[in-house]
PDB file of N, CA and C in Angstrom:
ATOM      1  N   MET A   1     -88.182 -84.626  96.240  1.00  0.00           N
ATOM      2  CA  MET A   1     -88.941 -83.502  95.726  1.00  0.00           C
ATOM      3  C   MET A   1     -88.246 -82.208  96.113  1.00  0.00           C
ATOM      4  N   ASP A   2     -88.253 -81.261  95.198  1.00  0.00           N
ATOM      5  CA  ASP A   2     -87.635 -79.980  95.497  1.00  0.00           C
ATOM      6  C   ASP A   2     -88.634 -79.052  96.204  1.00  0.00           C
ATOM      7  N   ASN A   3     -88.156 -77.882  96.611  1.00  0.00           N
ATOM      8  CA  ASN A   3     -88.989 -76.942  97.364  1.00  0.00           C
ATOM      9  C   ASN A   3     -90.185 -76.453  96.569  1.00  0.00           C
ATOM     10  N   LEU A   4     -90.020 -76.266  95.263  1.00  0.00           N
ATOM     11  CA  LEU A   4     -91.122 -75.798  94.426  1.00  0.00           C
ATOM     12  C   LEU A   4     -92.267 -76.813  94.413  1.00  0.00           C
ATOM     13  N   ALA A   5     -91.933 -78.070  94.336  1.00  0.00           N
ATOM     14  CA  ALA A   5     -92.968 -79.109  94.360  1.00  0.00           C
ATOM     15  C   ALA A   5     -93.661 -79.156  95.715  1.00  0.00           C
ATOM     16  N   TRP A   6     -92.908 -78.957  96.786  1.00  0.00           N
ATOM     17  CA  TRP A   6     -93.526 -78.958  98.120  1.00  0.00           C
ATOM     18  C   TRP A   6     -94.484 -77.785  98.298  1.00  0.00           C
ATOM     19  N   VAL A   7     -94.124 -76.636  97.740  1.00  0.00           N
ATOM     20  CA  VAL A   7     -95.020 -75.480  97.807  1.00  0.00           C
ATOM     21  C   VAL A   7     -96.302 -75.774  97.034  1.00  0.00           C
ATOM     22  N   ALA A   8     -96.174 -76.401  95.878  1.00  0.00           N
ATOM     23  CA  ALA A   8     -97.348 -76.752  95.084  1.00  0.00           C
ATOM     24  C   ALA A   8     -98.234 -77.750  95.827  1.00  0.00           C
ATOM     25  N   VAL A   9     -97.636 -78.768  96.413  1.00  0.00           N
ATOM     26  CA  VAL A   9     -98.406 -79.775  97.160  1.00  0.00           C
ATOM     27  C   VAL A   9     -99.085 -79.137  98.369  1.00  0.00           C
ATOM     28  N   ALA A  10     -98.352 -78.304  99.096  1.00  0.00           N
ATOM     29  CA  ALA A  10     -98.941 -77.655 100.276  1.00  0.00           C
ATOM     30  C   ALA A  10    -100.071 -76.716  99.879  1.00  0.00           C
ATOM     31  N   SER A  11     -99.924 -76.007  98.762  1.00  0.00           N
ATOM     32  CA  SER A  11    -100.975 -75.095  98.305  1.00  0.00           C
ATOM     33  C   SER A  11    -102.236 -75.857  97.928  1.00  0.00           C
ATOM     34  N   ILE A  12    -102.077 -76.930  97.208  1.00  0.00           N
ATOM     35  CA  ILE A  12    -103.241 -77.706  96.772  1.00  0.00           C
ATOM     36  C   ILE A  12    -103.913 -78.386  97.953  1.00  0.00           C
ATOM     37  N   MET A  13    -103.132 -78.942  98.861  1.00  0.00           N
ATOM     38  CA  MET A  13    -103.721 -79.584 100.045  1.00  0.00           C
ATOM     39  C   MET A  13    -104.428 -78.560 100.928  1.00  0.00           C
ATOM     40  N   SER A  14    -103.822 -77.404 101.115  1.00  0.00           N
ATOM     41  CA  SER A  14    -104.443 -76.351 101.925  1.00  0.00           C
ATOM     42  C   SER A  14    -105.731 -75.856 101.284  1.00  0.00           C
ATOM     43  N   ALA A  15    -105.728 -75.718  99.973  1.00  0.00           N
ATOM     44  CA  ALA A  15    -106.934 -75.275  99.269  1.00  0.00           C
ATOM     45  C   ALA A  15    -108.052 -76.295  99.427  1.00  0.00           C
ATOM     46  N   GLY A  16    -107.727 -77.556  99.311  1.00  0.00           N
ATOM     47  CA  GLY A  16    -108.736 -78.605  99.486  1.00  0.00           C
ATOM     48  C   GLY A  16    -109.304 -78.629 100.889  1.00  0.00           C
ATOM     49  N   LEU A  17    -108.440 -78.515 101.880  1.00  0.00           N
ATOM     50  CA  LEU A  17    -108.916 -78.474 103.264  1.00  0.00           C
ATOM     51  C   LEU A  17    -109.758 -77.231 103.543  1.00  0.00           C
ATOM     52  N   CYS A  18    -109.336 -76.111 102.986  1.00  0.00           N
ATOM     53  CA  CYS A  18    -110.049 -74.854 103.210  1.00  0.00           C
ATOM     54  C   CYS A  18    -111.478 -74.936 102.681  1.00  0.00           C
ATOM     55  N   ILE A  19    -111.641 -75.379 101.457  1.00  0.00           N
ATOM     56  CA  ILE A  19    -112.996 -75.421 100.890  1.00  0.00           C
ATOM     57  C   ILE A  19    -113.787 -76.580 101.467  1.00  0.00           C
ATOM     58  N   GLY A  20    -113.121 -77.684 101.777  1.00  0.00           N
ATOM     59  CA  GLY A  20    -113.831 -78.840 102.338  1.00  0.00           C
ATOM     60  C   GLY A  20    -114.376 -78.568 103.728  1.00  0.00           C
ATOM     61  N   ILE A  21    -113.522 -78.089 104.604  1.00  0.00           N
ATOM     62  CA  ILE A  21    -113.951 -77.808 105.978  1.00  0.00           C
ATOM     63  C   ILE A  21    -114.772 -76.522 106.031  1.00  0.00           C
ATOM     64  N   GLY A  22    -114.405 -75.557 105.197  1.00  0.00           N
ATOM     65  CA  GLY A  22    -115.109 -74.283 105.204  1.00  0.00           C
ATOM     66  C   GLY A  22    -116.518 -74.341 104.669  1.00  0.00           C
ATOM     67  N   ALA A  23    -116.867 -75.386 103.956  1.00  0.00           N
ATOM     68  CA  ALA A  23    -118.223 -75.512 103.423  1.00  0.00           C
ATOM     69  C   ALA A  23    -119.139 -76.293 104.360  1.00  0.00           C
ATOM     70  N   ILE A  24    -118.567 -77.008 105.311  1.00  0.00           N
ATOM     71  CA  ILE A  24    -119.393 -77.824 106.213  1.00  0.00           C
ATOM     72  C   ILE A  24    -120.245 -76.944 107.129  1.00  0.00           C
ATOM     73  N   GLY A  25    -119.638 -75.943 107.740  1.00  0.00           N
ATOM     74  CA  GLY A  25    -120.369 -75.073 108.668  1.00  0.00           C
ATOM     75  C   GLY A  25    -121.522 -74.336 108.008  1.00  0.00           C
ATOM     76  N   PRO A  26    -121.279 -73.649 106.882  1.00  0.00           N
ATOM     77  CA  PRO A  26    -122.394 -72.975 106.225  1.00  0.00           C
ATOM     78  C   PRO A  26    -123.500 -73.925 105.763  1.00  0.00           C
ATOM     79  N   ALA A  27    -123.127 -75.113 105.316  1.00  0.00           N
ATOM     80  CA  ALA A  27    -124.153 -76.068 104.886  1.00  0.00           C
ATOM     81  C   ALA A  27    -125.036 -76.490 106.064  1.00  0.00           C
ATOM     82  N   LEU A  28    -124.411 -76.761 107.200  1.00  0.00           N
ATOM     83  CA  LEU A  28    -125.198 -77.123 108.383  1.00  0.00           C
ATOM     84  C   LEU A  28    -126.035 -75.943 108.876  1.00  0.00           C
ATOM     85  N   GLY A  29    -125.467 -74.754 108.838  1.00  0.00           N
ATOM     86  CA  GLY A  29    -126.194 -73.565 109.269  1.00  0.00           C
ATOM     87  C   GLY A  29    -127.386 -73.257 108.386  1.00  0.00           C
ATOM     88  N   GLU A  30    -127.208 -73.399 107.071  1.00  0.00           N
ATOM     89  CA  GLU A  30    -128.318 -73.147 106.161  1.00  0.00           C
ATOM     90  C   GLU A  30    -129.418 -74.188 106.316  1.00  0.00           C
ATOM     91  N   GLY A  31    -129.035 -75.424 106.530  1.00  0.00           N
ATOM     92  CA  GLY A  31    -130.041 -76.468 106.750  1.00  0.00           C
ATOM     93  C   GLY A  31    -130.843 -76.217 108.013  1.00  0.00           C
ATOM     94  N   ARG A  32    -130.157 -75.825 109.055  1.00  0.00           N
ATOM     95  CA  ARG A  32    -130.854 -75.525 110.316  1.00  0.00           C
ATOM     96  C   ARG A  32    -131.760 -74.305 110.174  1.00  0.00           C
ATOM     97  N   ALA A  33    -131.282 -73.274 109.485  1.00  0.00           N
ATOM     98  CA  ALA A  33    -132.090 -72.066 109.281  1.00  0.00           C
ATOM     99  C   ALA A  33    -133.339 -72.381 108.473  1.00  0.00           C
ATOM    100  N   LEU A  34    -133.197 -73.194 107.443  1.00  0.00           N
ATOM    101  CA  LEU A  34    -134.352 -73.567 106.629  1.00  0.00           C
ATOM    102  C   LEU A  34    -135.356 -74.383 107.435  1.00  0.00           C
ATOM    103  N   ALA A  35    -134.862 -75.305 108.238  1.00  0.00           N
ATOM    104  CA  ALA A  35    -135.762 -76.116 109.059  1.00  0.00           C
ATOM    105  C   ALA A  35    -136.539 -75.246 110.044  1.00  0.00           C
ATOM    106  N   GLN A  36    -135.859 -74.292 110.658  1.00  0.00           N
ATOM    107  CA  GLN A  36    -136.532 -73.396 111.603  1.00  0.00           C
ATOM    108  C   GLN A  36    -137.521 -72.475 110.892  1.00  0.00           C
ATOM    109  N   ALA A  37    -137.173 -72.025 109.693  1.00  0.00           N
ATOM    110  CA  ALA A  37    -138.090 -71.172 108.935  1.00  0.00           C
ATOM    111  C   ALA A  37    -139.337 -71.945 108.526  1.00  0.00           C
ATOM    112  N   LEU A  38    -139.172 -73.182 108.125  1.00  0.00           N
ATOM    113  CA  LEU A  38    -140.342 -73.993 107.770  1.00  0.00           C
ATOM    114  C   LEU A  38    -141.223 -74.265 108.980  1.00  0.00           C
ATOM    115  N   ALA A  39    -140.597 -74.476 110.122  1.00  0.00           N
ATOM    116  CA  ALA A  39    -141.382 -74.670 111.345  1.00  0.00           C
ATOM    117  C   ALA A  39    -142.137 -73.384 111.701  1.00  0.00           C
ATOM    118  N   ALA A  40    -141.480 -72.240 111.533  1.00  0.00           N
ATOM    119  CA  ALA A  40    -142.139 -70.964 111.821  1.00  0.00           C
ATOM    120  C   ALA A  40    -143.284 -70.707 110.842  1.00  0.00           C
ATOM    121  N   LEU A  41    -143.084 -71.068 109.574  1.00  0.00           N
ATOM    122  CA  LEU A  41    -144.157 -70.902 108.591  1.00  0.00           C
ATOM    123  C   LEU A  41    -145.346 -71.806 108.892  1.00  0.00           C
ATOM    124  N   ALA A  42    -145.064 -73.002 109.397  1.00  0.00           N
ATOM    125  CA  ALA A  42    -146.151 -73.914 109.747  1.00  0.00           C
ATOM    126  C   ALA A  42    -146.961 -73.375 110.919  1.00  0.00           C
ATOM    127  N   GLN A  43    -146.317 -72.688 111.845  1.00  0.00           N
ATOM    128  CA  GLN A  43    -147.010 -72.157 113.016  1.00  0.00           C
ATOM    129  C   GLN A  43    -147.686 -70.821 112.735  1.00  0.00           C
ATOM    130  N   GLN A  44    -147.078 -69.991 111.902  1.00  0.00           N
ATOM    131  CA  GLN A  44    -147.619 -68.658 111.625  1.00  0.00           C
ATOM    132  C   GLN A  44    -147.609 -68.390 110.121  1.00  0.00           C
ATOM    133  N   PRO A  45    -148.543 -68.947 109.383  1.00  0.00           N
ATOM    134  CA  PRO A  45    -148.548 -68.756 107.934  1.00  0.00           C
ATOM    135  C   PRO A  45    -148.807 -67.306 107.506  1.00  0.00           C
ATOM    136  N   ASP A  46    -149.414 -66.507 108.366  1.00  0.00           N
ATOM    137  CA  ASP A  46    -149.680 -65.111 108.024  1.00  0.00           C
ATOM    138  C   ASP A  46    -148.399 -64.285 107.930  1.00  0.00           C
ATOM    139  N   GLU A  47    -147.345 -64.709 108.594  1.00  0.00           N
ATOM    140  CA  GLU A  47    -146.071 -63.986 108.599  1.00  0.00           C
ATOM    141  C   GLU A  47    -145.098 -64.524 107.554  1.00  0.00           C
ATOM    142  N   ALA A  48    -145.609 -65.124 106.496  1.00  0.00           N
ATOM    143  CA  ALA A  48    -144.751 -65.763 105.488  1.00  0.00           C
ATOM    144  C   ALA A  48    -143.791 -64.767 104.841  1.00  0.00           C
ATOM    145  N   ASN A  49    -144.270 -63.583 104.503  1.00  0.00           N
ATOM    146  CA  ASN A  49    -143.396 -62.601 103.845  1.00  0.00           C
ATOM    147  C   ASN A  49    -142.235 -62.192 104.736  1.00  0.00           C
ATOM    148  N   SER A  50    -142.529 -61.923 105.978  1.00  0.00           N
ATOM    149  CA  SER A  50    -141.488 -61.498 106.917  1.00  0.00           C
ATOM    150  C   SER A  50    -140.491 -62.627 107.188  1.00  0.00           C
ATOM    151  N   ILE A  51    -141.005 -63.833 107.342  1.00  0.00           N
ATOM    152  CA  ILE A  51    -140.123 -64.975 107.644  1.00  0.00           C
ATOM    153  C   ILE A  51    -139.216 -65.280 106.460  1.00  0.00           C
ATOM    154  N   THR A  52    -139.768 -65.301 105.250  1.00  0.00           N
ATOM    155  CA  THR A  52    -138.932 -65.631 104.091  1.00  0.00           C
ATOM    156  C   THR A  52    -137.909 -64.541 103.809  1.00  0.00           C
ATOM    157  N   ARG A  53    -138.281 -63.279 103.983  1.00  0.00           N
ATOM    158  CA  ARG A  53    -137.319 -62.190 103.774  1.00  0.00           C
ATOM    159  C   ARG A  53    -136.158 -62.306 104.766  1.00  0.00           C
ATOM    160  N   THR A  54    -136.482 -62.539 106.024  1.00  0.00           N
ATOM    161  CA  THR A  54    -135.445 -62.699 107.043  1.00  0.00           C
ATOM    162  C   THR A  54    -134.602 -63.937 106.772  1.00  0.00           C
ATOM    163  N   LEU A  55    -135.249 -65.011 106.302  1.00  0.00           N
ATOM    164  CA  LEU A  55    -134.524 -66.238 105.975  1.00  0.00           C
ATOM    165  C   LEU A  55    -133.513 -65.995 104.864  1.00  0.00           C
ATOM    166  N   PHE A  56    -133.916 -65.288 103.809  1.00  0.00           N
ATOM    167  CA  PHE A  56    -133.004 -65.054 102.690  1.00  0.00           C
ATOM    168  C   PHE A  56    -131.829 -64.172 103.088  1.00  0.00           C
ATOM    169  N   VAL A  57    -132.073 -63.168 103.905  1.00  0.00           N
ATOM    170  CA  VAL A  57    -130.979 -62.317 104.373  1.00  0.00           C
ATOM    171  C   VAL A  57    -130.025 -63.130 105.246  1.00  0.00           C
ATOM    172  N   GLY A  58    -130.580 -63.943 106.128  1.00  0.00           N
ATOM    173  CA  GLY A  58    -129.747 -64.788 106.989  1.00  0.00           C
ATOM    174  C   GLY A  58    -128.944 -65.795 106.206  1.00  0.00           C
ATOM    175  N   MET A  59    -129.564 -66.407 105.197  1.00  0.00           N
ATOM    176  CA  MET A  59    -128.838 -67.385 104.381  1.00  0.00           C
ATOM    177  C   MET A  59    -127.726 -66.714 103.582  1.00  0.00           C
ATOM    178  N   ALA A  60    -127.951 -65.490 103.137  1.00  0.00           N
ATOM    179  CA  ALA A  60    -126.889 -64.770 102.421  1.00  0.00           C
ATOM    180  C   ALA A  60    -125.702 -64.521 103.347  1.00  0.00           C
ATOM    181  N   MET A  61    -125.981 -64.194 104.607  1.00  0.00           N
ATOM    182  CA  MET A  61    -124.900 -63.984 105.569  1.00  0.00           C
ATOM    183  C   MET A  61    -124.148 -65.284 105.846  1.00  0.00           C
ATOM    184  N   VAL A  62    -124.864 -66.364 105.983  1.00  0.00           N
ATOM    185  CA  VAL A  62    -124.224 -67.662 106.246  1.00  0.00           C
ATOM    186  C   VAL A  62    -123.418 -68.103 105.036  1.00  0.00           C
ATOM    187  N   GLU A  63    -123.966 -67.891 103.849  1.00  0.00           N
ATOM    188  CA  GLU A  63    -123.293 -68.320 102.627  1.00  0.00           C
ATOM    189  C   GLU A  63    -122.021 -67.519 102.373  1.00  0.00           C
ATOM    190  N   SER A  64    -121.944 -66.304 102.906  1.00  0.00           N
ATOM    191  CA  SER A  64    -120.748 -65.496 102.692  1.00  0.00           C
ATOM    192  C   SER A  64    -119.511 -66.168 103.288  1.00  0.00           C
ATOM    193  N   THR A  65    -119.677 -66.942 104.349  1.00  0.00           N
ATOM    194  CA  THR A  65    -118.542 -67.670 104.917  1.00  0.00           C
ATOM    195  C   THR A  65    -117.988 -68.684 103.920  1.00  0.00           C
ATOM    196  N   ALA A  66    -118.862 -69.410 103.254  1.00  0.00           N
ATOM    197  CA  ALA A  66    -118.411 -70.371 102.242  1.00  0.00           C
ATOM    198  C   ALA A  66    -117.771 -69.656 101.059  1.00  0.00           C
ATOM    199  N   ILE A  67    -118.287 -68.491 100.713  1.00  0.00           N
ATOM    200  CA  ILE A  67    -117.705 -67.732  99.605  1.00  0.00           C
ATOM    201  C   ILE A  67    -116.310 -67.247  99.971  1.00  0.00           C
ATOM    202  N   TYR A  68    -116.111 -66.819 101.215  1.00  0.00           N
ATOM    203  CA  TYR A  68    -114.769 -66.419 101.657  1.00  0.00           C
ATOM    204  C   TYR A  68    -113.803 -67.597 101.577  1.00  0.00           C
ATOM    205  N   CYS A  69    -114.248 -68.765 101.975  1.00  0.00           N
ATOM    206  CA  CYS A  69    -113.389 -69.961 101.865  1.00  0.00           C
ATOM    207  C   CYS A  69    -113.060 -70.249 100.407  1.00  0.00           C
ATOM    208  N   PHE A  70    -114.024 -70.068  99.527  1.00  0.00           N
ATOM    209  CA  PHE A  70    -113.783 -70.280  98.104  1.00  0.00           C
ATOM    210  C   PHE A  70    -112.754 -69.284  97.572  1.00  0.00           C
ATOM    211  N   VAL A  71    -112.843 -68.032  98.004  1.00  0.00           N
ATOM    212  CA  VAL A  71    -111.887 -67.008  97.567  1.00  0.00           C
ATOM    213  C   VAL A  71    -110.484 -67.353  98.055  1.00  0.00           C
ATOM    214  N   VAL A  72    -110.362 -67.769  99.299  1.00  0.00           N
ATOM    215  CA  VAL A  72    -109.053 -68.163  99.826  1.00  0.00           C
ATOM    216  C   VAL A  72    -108.509 -69.357  99.047  1.00  0.00           C
ATOM    217  N   THR A  73    -109.368 -70.290  98.704  1.00  0.00           N
ATOM    218  CA  THR A  73    -108.947 -71.449  97.916  1.00  0.00           C
ATOM    219  C   THR A  73    -108.432 -71.022  96.550  1.00  0.00           C
ATOM    220  N   MET A  74    -109.138 -70.117  95.889  1.00  0.00           N
ATOM    221  CA  MET A  74    -108.687 -69.650  94.576  1.00  0.00           C
ATOM    222  C   MET A  74    -107.364 -68.898  94.679  1.00  0.00           C
ATOM    223  N   ILE A  75    -107.177 -68.149  95.752  1.00  0.00           N
ATOM    224  CA  ILE A  75    -105.902 -67.457  95.954  1.00  0.00           C
ATOM    225  C   ILE A  75    -104.776 -68.462  96.151  1.00  0.00           C
ATOM    226  N   LEU A  76    -105.030 -69.494  96.950  1.00  0.00           N
ATOM    227  CA  LEU A  76    -103.993 -70.508  97.185  1.00  0.00           C
ATOM    228  C   LEU A  76    -103.616 -71.247  95.908  1.00  0.00           C
ATOM    229  N   ILE A  77    -104.576 -71.457  95.039  1.00  0.00           N
ATOM    230  CA  ILE A  77    -104.284 -72.223  93.829  1.00  0.00           C
ATOM    231  C   ILE A  77    -103.711 -71.341  92.722  1.00  0.00           C
ATOM    232  N   PHE A  78    -104.327 -70.188  92.471  1.00  0.00           N
ATOM    233  CA  PHE A  78    -103.968 -69.400  91.296  1.00  0.00           C
ATOM    234  C   PHE A  78    -103.130 -68.157  91.577  1.00  0.00           C
ATOM    235  N   ALA A  79    -103.184 -67.608  92.780  1.00  0.00           N
ATOM    236  CA  ALA A  79    -102.450 -66.374  93.060  1.00  0.00           C
ATOM    237  C   ALA A  79    -101.660 -66.498  94.357  1.00  0.00           C
ATOM    238  N   ASN A  80    -101.049 -67.624  94.553  1.00  0.00           N
ATOM    239  CA  ASN A  80    -100.299 -67.879  95.769  1.00  0.00           C
ATOM    240  C   ASN A  80     -99.130 -66.904  95.875  1.00  0.00           C
ATOM    241  N   PRO A  81     -99.056 -66.152  96.963  1.00  0.00           N
ATOM    242  CA  PRO A  81     -97.970 -65.181  97.082  1.00  0.00           C
ATOM    243  C   PRO A  81     -96.588 -65.823  97.213  1.00  0.00           C
ATOM    244  N   PHE A  82     -96.522 -67.056  97.658  1.00  0.00           N
ATOM    245  CA  PHE A  82     -95.230 -67.735  97.805  1.00  0.00           C
ATOM    246  C   PHE A  82     -94.761 -68.376  96.505  1.00  0.00           C
ATOM    247  N   TRP A  83     -95.670 -68.601  95.588  1.00  0.00           N
ATOM    248  CA  TRP A  83     -95.347 -69.321  94.369  1.00  0.00           C
ATOM    249  C   TRP A  83     -94.300 -68.584  93.538  1.00  0.00           C
ATOM    250  N   GLN A  84     -94.516 -67.286  93.312  1.00  0.00           N
ATOM    251  CA  GLN A  84     -93.584 -66.501  92.496  1.00  0.00           C
ATOM    252  C   GLN A  84     -92.194 -66.449  93.145  1.00  0.00           C
ATOM    253  N   PHE A  85     -92.144 -66.364  94.454  1.00  0.00           N
ATOM    254  CA  PHE A  85     -90.866 -66.358  95.158  1.00  0.00           C
ATOM    255  C   PHE A  85     -90.079 -67.627  94.882  1.00  0.00           C
ATOM    256  N   PHE A  86     -90.733 -68.770  94.974  1.00  0.00           N
ATOM    257  CA  PHE A  86     -90.038 -70.028  94.767  1.00  0.00           C
ATOM    258  C   PHE A  86     -89.722 -70.274  93.295  1.00  0.00           C
ATOM    259  N   VAL A  87     -90.544 -69.769  92.388  1.00  0.00           N
ATOM    260  CA  VAL A  87     -90.241 -69.904  90.960  1.00  0.00           C
ATOM    261  C   VAL A  87     -88.981 -69.090  90.618  1.00  0.00           C
ATOM    262  N   GLU A  88     -88.905 -67.863  91.147  1.00  0.00           N
ATOM    263  CA  GLU A  88     -87.721 -67.048  90.897  1.00  0.00           C
ATOM    264  C   GLU A  88     -86.474 -67.672  91.527  1.00  0.00           C
ATOM    265  N   ARG A  89     -86.640 -68.215  92.696  1.00  0.00           N
ATOM    266  CA  ARG A  89     -85.504 -68.841  93.391  1.00  0.00           C
ATOM    267  C   ARG A  89     -85.035 -70.098  92.664  1.00  0.00           C
ATOM    268  N   ALA A  90     -85.982 -70.865  92.135  1.00  0.00           N
ATOM    269  CA  ALA A  90     -85.620 -72.062  91.381  1.00  0.00           C
ATOM    270  C   ALA A  90     -84.949 -71.691  90.059  1.00  0.00           C
ATOM    271  N   ALA A  91     -85.370 -70.587  89.454  1.00  0.00           N
ATOM    272  CA  ALA A  91     -84.777 -70.173  88.172  1.00  0.00           C
ATOM    273  C   ALA A  91     -83.329 -69.711  88.344  1.00  0.00           C
ATOM    274  N   THR A  92     -83.044 -69.086  89.496  1.00  0.00           N
ATOM    275  CA  THR A  92     -81.671 -68.624  89.717  1.00  0.00           C
ATOM    276  C   THR A  92     -80.765 -69.719  90.265  1.00  0.00           C
ATOM    277  N   GLY A  93     -81.372 -70.843  90.626  1.00  0.00           N
ATOM    278  CA  GLY A  93     -80.575 -71.941  91.133  1.00  0.00           C
ATOM    279  C   GLY A  93     -80.263 -71.848  92.605  1.00  0.00           C
ATOM    280  N   GLY A  94     -80.917 -70.943  93.310  1.00  0.00           N
ATOM    281  CA  GLY A  94     -80.613 -70.752  94.725  1.00  0.00           C
ATOM    282  C   GLY A  94     -81.651 -71.325  95.538  1.00  0.00           C
TER     283      GLY A  94
END
């Protein structure tokens, strides 16, 4: 395999690892936050508005980590900064 193929393989593997591992933490965090919010609602139903508002803001913050991983994955696949370098180098034969 030439260098261009190795860059492609490394980019795709890195993107897969990034989104795969990067989604595990937010998923576990959101599940835990939801479980705690439901427990809080069961204990204090009068505070439902405050608990759900805080829950949604917290989940948005947790979900932003997964979105950042998704953005990095899209950059690795579609806008890889090394890709153009190796394409130009392969075209010149160097």
